[in-house]
C-alpha atoms as a PDB file:
ATOM      1  CA  MET A   1       0.114  -0.046  -0.063  1.00  0.00           C
ATOM      2  CA  VAL A   2       1.321   3.524  -0.963  1.00  0.00           C
ATOM      3  CA  ASP A   3       1.539   5.743   2.081  1.00  0.00           C
ATOM      4  CA  SER A   4      -0.552   9.043   1.282  1.00  0.00           C
ATOM      5  CA  GLY A   5       0.485  10.954   4.226  1.00  0.00           C
ATOM      6  CA  PHE A   6       1.690  13.815   2.450  1.00  0.00           C
ATOM      7  CA  ASP A   7      -0.390  13.776  -0.983  1.00  0.00           C
ATOM      8  CA  PRO A   8      -4.188  13.155  -0.914  1.00  0.00           C
ATOM      9  CA  THR A   9      -4.025  12.259  -4.694  1.00  0.00           C
ATOM     10  CA  ILE A  10      -1.948   9.451  -4.114  1.00  0.00           C
ATOM     11  CA  GLY A  11      -4.334   8.044  -1.326  1.00  0.00           C
ATOM     12  CA  ALA A  12      -7.089   8.500  -3.427  1.00  0.00           C
ATOM     13  CA  LEU A  13      -5.745   6.630  -6.481  1.00  0.00           C
ATOM     14  CA  ASN A  14      -4.674   3.839  -4.117  1.00  0.00           C
ATOM     15  CA  THR A  15      -8.228   3.426  -2.644  1.00  0.00           C
ATOM     16  CA  SER A  16      -9.564   3.677  -6.326  1.00  0.00           C
ATOM     17  CA  LEU A  17      -7.189   0.838  -7.345  1.00  0.00           C
ATOM     18  CA  ASN A  18      -8.307  -1.135  -4.283  1.00  0.00           C
ATOM     19  CA  LEU A  19     -11.949  -0.684  -5.073  1.00  0.00           C
ATOM     20  CA  ARG A  20     -11.489  -1.535  -8.638  1.00  0.00           C
ATOM     21  CA  LEU A  21      -9.896  -4.648  -7.647  1.00  0.00           C
ATOM     22  CA  VAL A  22     -12.467  -5.656  -5.389  1.00  0.00           C
ATOM     23  CA  ASN A  23     -15.068  -4.947  -8.229  1.00  0.00           C
ATOM     24  CA  GLN A  24     -13.126  -7.018 -10.796  1.00  0.00           C
ATOM     25  CA  ASN A  25     -13.529  -9.902  -8.208  1.00  0.00           C
ATOM     26  CA  VAL A  26     -17.168  -9.490  -7.946  1.00  0.00           C
ATOM     27  CA  ILE A  27     -17.685  -9.250 -11.603  1.00  0.00           C
ATOM     28  CA  SER A  28     -15.419 -12.282 -12.205  1.00  0.00           C
ATOM     29  CA  SER A  29     -17.294 -14.216  -9.478  1.00  0.00           C
ATOM     30  CA  ASN A  30     -20.394 -13.460 -11.454  1.00  0.00           C
ATOM     31  CA  ILE A  31     -19.056 -14.652 -14.698  1.00  0.00           C
ATOM     32  CA  SER A  32     -17.746 -17.870 -12.868  1.00  0.00           C
ATOM     33  CA  ASN A  33     -21.164 -18.574 -11.556  1.00  0.00           C
ATOM     34  CA  ALA A  34     -23.152 -17.818 -14.831  1.00  0.00           C
ATOM     35  CA  ASP A  35     -24.199 -21.490 -15.254  1.00  0.00           C
ATOM     36  CA  THR A  36     -24.882 -22.136 -11.291  1.00  0.00           C
ATOM     37  CA  PRO A  37     -28.677 -22.644 -10.841  1.00  0.00           C
ATOM     38  CA  GLY A  38     -30.011 -20.417  -8.402  1.00  0.00           C
ATOM     39  CA  TYR A  39     -26.873 -18.099  -8.409  1.00  0.00           C
ATOM     40  CA  LYS A  40     -27.937 -14.304  -7.632  1.00  0.00           C
ATOM     41  CA  ALA A  41     -25.578 -11.795  -9.339  1.00  0.00           C
ATOM     42  CA  LYS A  42     -23.590  -9.494  -6.849  1.00  0.00           C
ATOM     43  CA  THR A  43     -22.754  -5.956  -7.449  1.00  0.00           C
ATOM     44  CA  MET A  44     -21.122  -3.094  -5.718  1.00  0.00           C
ATOM     45  CA  GLU A  45     -21.683   0.858  -6.357  1.00  0.00           C
ATOM     46  CA  PHE A  46     -18.046   1.778  -6.916  1.00  0.00           C
ATOM     47  CA  GLU A  47     -18.844   5.531  -6.779  1.00  0.00           C
ATOM     48  CA  THR A  48     -20.516   5.196  -3.411  1.00  0.00           C
ATOM     49  CA  ALA A  49     -17.607   3.036  -1.992  1.00  0.00           C
ATOM     50  CA  LEU A  50     -15.084   5.402  -3.189  1.00  0.00           C
ATOM     51  CA  ARG A  51     -16.975   8.393  -1.704  1.00  0.00           C
ATOM     52  CA  ASP A  52     -17.298   6.487   1.565  1.00  0.00           C
ATOM     53  CA  ALA A  53     -13.641   5.377   1.589  1.00  0.00           C
ATOM     54  CA  LEU A  54     -12.503   9.112   0.853  1.00  0.00           C
ATOM     55  CA  ASN A  55     -14.919  10.510   3.457  1.00  0.00           C
ATOM     56  CA  VAL A  56     -16.735  12.750   1.043  1.00  0.00           C
ATOM     57  CA  GLY A  57     -20.206  14.017   1.676  1.00  0.00           C
ATOM     58  CA  ASP A  58     -22.464  13.788   4.745  1.00  0.00           C
ATOM     59  CA  ARG A  59     -19.855  13.756   7.339  1.00  0.00           C
ATOM     60  CA  LEU A  60     -18.110  16.871   5.775  1.00  0.00           C
ATOM     61  CA  GLN A  61     -21.433  18.712   5.430  1.00  0.00           C
ATOM     62  CA  ALA A  62     -21.946  18.226   9.279  1.00  0.00           C
ATOM     63  CA  GLN A  63     -18.623  19.826   9.782  1.00  0.00           C
ATOM     64  CA  GLY A  64     -19.449  22.742   7.832  1.00  0.00           C
ATOM     65  CA  ALA A  65     -17.156  21.867   4.874  1.00  0.00           C
ATOM     66  CA  ASP A  66     -17.567  21.851   0.964  1.00  0.00           C
ATOM     67  CA  PRO A  67     -18.824  18.183   0.333  1.00  0.00           C
ATOM     68  CA  ASP A  68     -16.836  18.209  -2.872  1.00  0.00           C
ATOM     69  CA  HIS A  69     -13.487  18.318  -1.087  1.00  0.00           C
ATOM     70  CA  LEU A  70     -11.493  15.459  -0.216  1.00  0.00           C
ATOM     71  CA  VAL A  71     -10.728  14.903   3.354  1.00  0.00           C
ATOM     72  CA  ARG A  72      -7.018  13.239   3.797  1.00  0.00           C
ATOM     73  CA  THR A  73      -7.032  10.310   6.290  1.00  0.00           C
ATOM     74  CA  PRO A  74      -4.633   7.189   6.613  1.00  0.00           C
ATOM     75  CA  THR A  75      -5.273   4.644   3.789  1.00  0.00           C
ATOM     76  CA  GLU A  76      -7.271   2.029   5.253  1.00  0.00           C
ATOM     77  CA  ALA A  77      -8.570  -1.391   3.971  1.00  0.00           C
ATOM     78  CA  VAL A  78     -11.651  -0.721   1.776  1.00  0.00           C
ATOM     79  CA  ASN A  79     -14.933  -2.797   2.687  1.00  0.00           C
ATOM     80  CA  PRO A  80     -17.608  -1.887  -0.030  1.00  0.00           C
ATOM     81  CA  GLU A  81     -20.945  -3.075   0.525  1.00  0.00           C
ATOM     82  CA  ILE A  82     -21.442  -5.913  -2.036  1.00  0.00           C
ATOM     83  CA  TYR A  83     -25.095  -6.895  -2.682  1.00  0.00           C
ATOM     84  CA  ASP A  84     -27.447  -9.107  -5.054  1.00  0.00           C
ATOM     85  CA  ASP A  85     -27.908  -7.082  -8.058  1.00  0.00           C
ATOM     86  CA  PRO A  86     -31.638  -5.758  -7.959  1.00  0.00           C
ATOM     87  CA  ASN A  87     -31.487  -5.736 -12.021  1.00  0.00           C
ATOM     88  CA  GLY A  88     -31.025  -9.237 -12.225  1.00  0.00           C
ATOM     89  CA  VAL A  89     -33.375 -11.225 -14.356  1.00  0.00           C
ATOM     90  CA  GLU A  90     -33.780 -14.433 -13.335  1.00  0.00           C
ATOM     91  CA  SER A  91     -33.768 -17.390 -15.761  1.00  0.00           C
ATOM     92  CA  LEU A  92     -35.540 -20.543 -15.643  1.00  0.00           C
ATOM     93  CA  ASP A  93     -32.864 -22.128 -13.227  1.00  0.00           C
ATOM     94  CA  GLY A  94     -33.054 -19.003 -10.985  1.00  0.00           C
ATOM     95  CA  ASN A  95     -29.727 -17.880 -11.905  1.00  0.00           C
ATOM     96  CA  THR A  96     -29.671 -13.844 -12.642  1.00  0.00           C
ATOM     97  CA  VAL A  97     -26.302 -13.543 -14.351  1.00  0.00           C
ATOM     98  CA  ASP A  98     -26.397 -11.829 -17.837  1.00  0.00           C
ATOM     99  CA  ARG A  99     -22.965 -12.941 -19.112  1.00  0.00           C
ATOM    100  CA  ALA A 100     -22.740 -10.652 -21.950  1.00  0.00           C
ATOM    101  CA  ALA A 101     -23.576  -7.613 -19.509  1.00  0.00           C
ATOM    102  CA  GLU A 102     -21.048  -8.890 -16.847  1.00  0.00           C
ATOM    103  CA  MET A 103     -18.286  -9.147 -19.534  1.00  0.00           C
ATOM    104  CA  ALA A 104     -18.718  -5.515 -20.531  1.00  0.00           C
ATOM    105  CA  LYS A 105     -18.639  -4.553 -16.923  1.00  0.00           C
ATOM    106  CA  LEU A 106     -15.344  -6.467 -16.539  1.00  0.00           C
ATOM    107  CA  ALA A 107     -13.944  -4.656 -19.585  1.00  0.00           C
ATOM    108  CA  GLU A 108     -14.842  -1.306 -18.242  1.00  0.00           C
ATOM    109  CA  ASN A 109     -13.583  -1.974 -14.758  1.00  0.00           C
ATOM    110  CA  HIS A 110     -10.300  -3.084 -16.336  1.00  0.00           C
ATOM    111  CA  VAL A 111      -9.745  -0.001 -18.279  1.00  0.00           C
ATOM    112  CA  LEU A 112     -10.736   2.269 -15.365  1.00  0.00           C
ATOM    113  CA  TYR A 113      -8.335   0.217 -13.301  1.00  0.00           C
ATOM    114  CA  ASP A 114      -5.451   0.733 -15.742  1.00  0.00           C
ATOM    115  CA  SER A 115      -6.361   4.495 -16.019  1.00  0.00           C
ATOM    116  CA  SER A 116      -5.943   4.773 -12.097  1.00  0.00           C
ATOM    117  CA  ALA A 117      -2.768   2.729 -12.348  1.00  0.00           C
ATOM    118  CA  GLU A 118      -1.341   4.951 -15.039  1.00  0.00           C
ATOM    119  CA  MET A 119      -2.331   8.180 -13.000  1.00  0.00           C
ATOM    120  CA  LEU A 120      -0.576   6.687  -9.987  1.00  0.00           C
ATOM    121  CA  LYS A 121       2.404   5.877 -11.868  1.00  0.00           C
ATOM    122  CA  ARG A 122       2.846   9.429 -13.492  1.00  0.00           C
ATOM    123  CA  LYS A 123       2.169  11.004  -9.975  1.00  0.00           C
ATOM    124  CA  LEU A 124       4.812   9.041  -8.387  1.00  0.00           C
ATOM    125  CA  ALA A 125       7.159   9.823 -11.503  1.00  0.00           C
ATOM    126  CA  MET A 126       6.713  13.538 -10.732  1.00  0.00           C
ATOM    127  CA  LEU A 127       7.437  13.114  -6.969  1.00  0.00           C
ATOM    128  CA  LYS A 128      10.501  11.214  -8.058  1.00  0.00           C
ATOM    129  CA  TYR A 129      11.731  13.880 -10.677  1.00  0.00           C
ATOM    130  CA  ALA A 130      11.121  16.605  -7.937  1.00  0.00           C
ATOM    131  CA  ILE A 131      13.214  14.622  -5.346  1.00  0.00           C
ATOM    132  CA  SER A 132      16.143  13.544  -7.641  1.00  0.00           C
ATOM    133  CA  GLU A 133      16.500  16.405 -10.185  1.00  0.00           C
ATOM    134  CA  GLY A 134      13.716  18.965  -9.939  1.00  0.00           C
ATOM    135  CA  GLY A 135      15.273  20.529  -6.538  1.00  0.00           C
ATOM    136  CA  GLY A 136      18.821  20.637  -7.937  1.00  0.00           C
ATOM    137  CA  GLY A 137      19.841  18.120  -5.286  1.00  0.00           C
ATOM    138  CA  GLY A 138      21.245  15.790  -7.881  1.00  0.00           C
ATOM    139  CA  ARG A 139      23.965  17.987  -9.329  1.00  0.00           C
END
């Protein structure tokens, strides 16, 4: 886990990656159980989980802060709510997995995971540059 004590962006990207990984596992589990009779597809709301993990929203309003601002907190384990997908259509065997829809979600989540990883990589590269060369300390 990346220490975000001095940069809230790094912490937010780290949390996003962790939540994307959880979401990938949920979607993969749905696809794996597409032929399991009675299996109910699971889902998680990524945006809600990220907002909760970053402490954005109601708690800030109670403190009189702008709800659109991030609050930097130590990076903690993420535990998003995973529940039965209410949009699932039950097949004859009681299964609610739509394999094509799950494959599309998997692809989208993968692209968004890669995007977050690339942003984190670039942020860390900027910090490395600032430490090694940008401050004149390397010459």
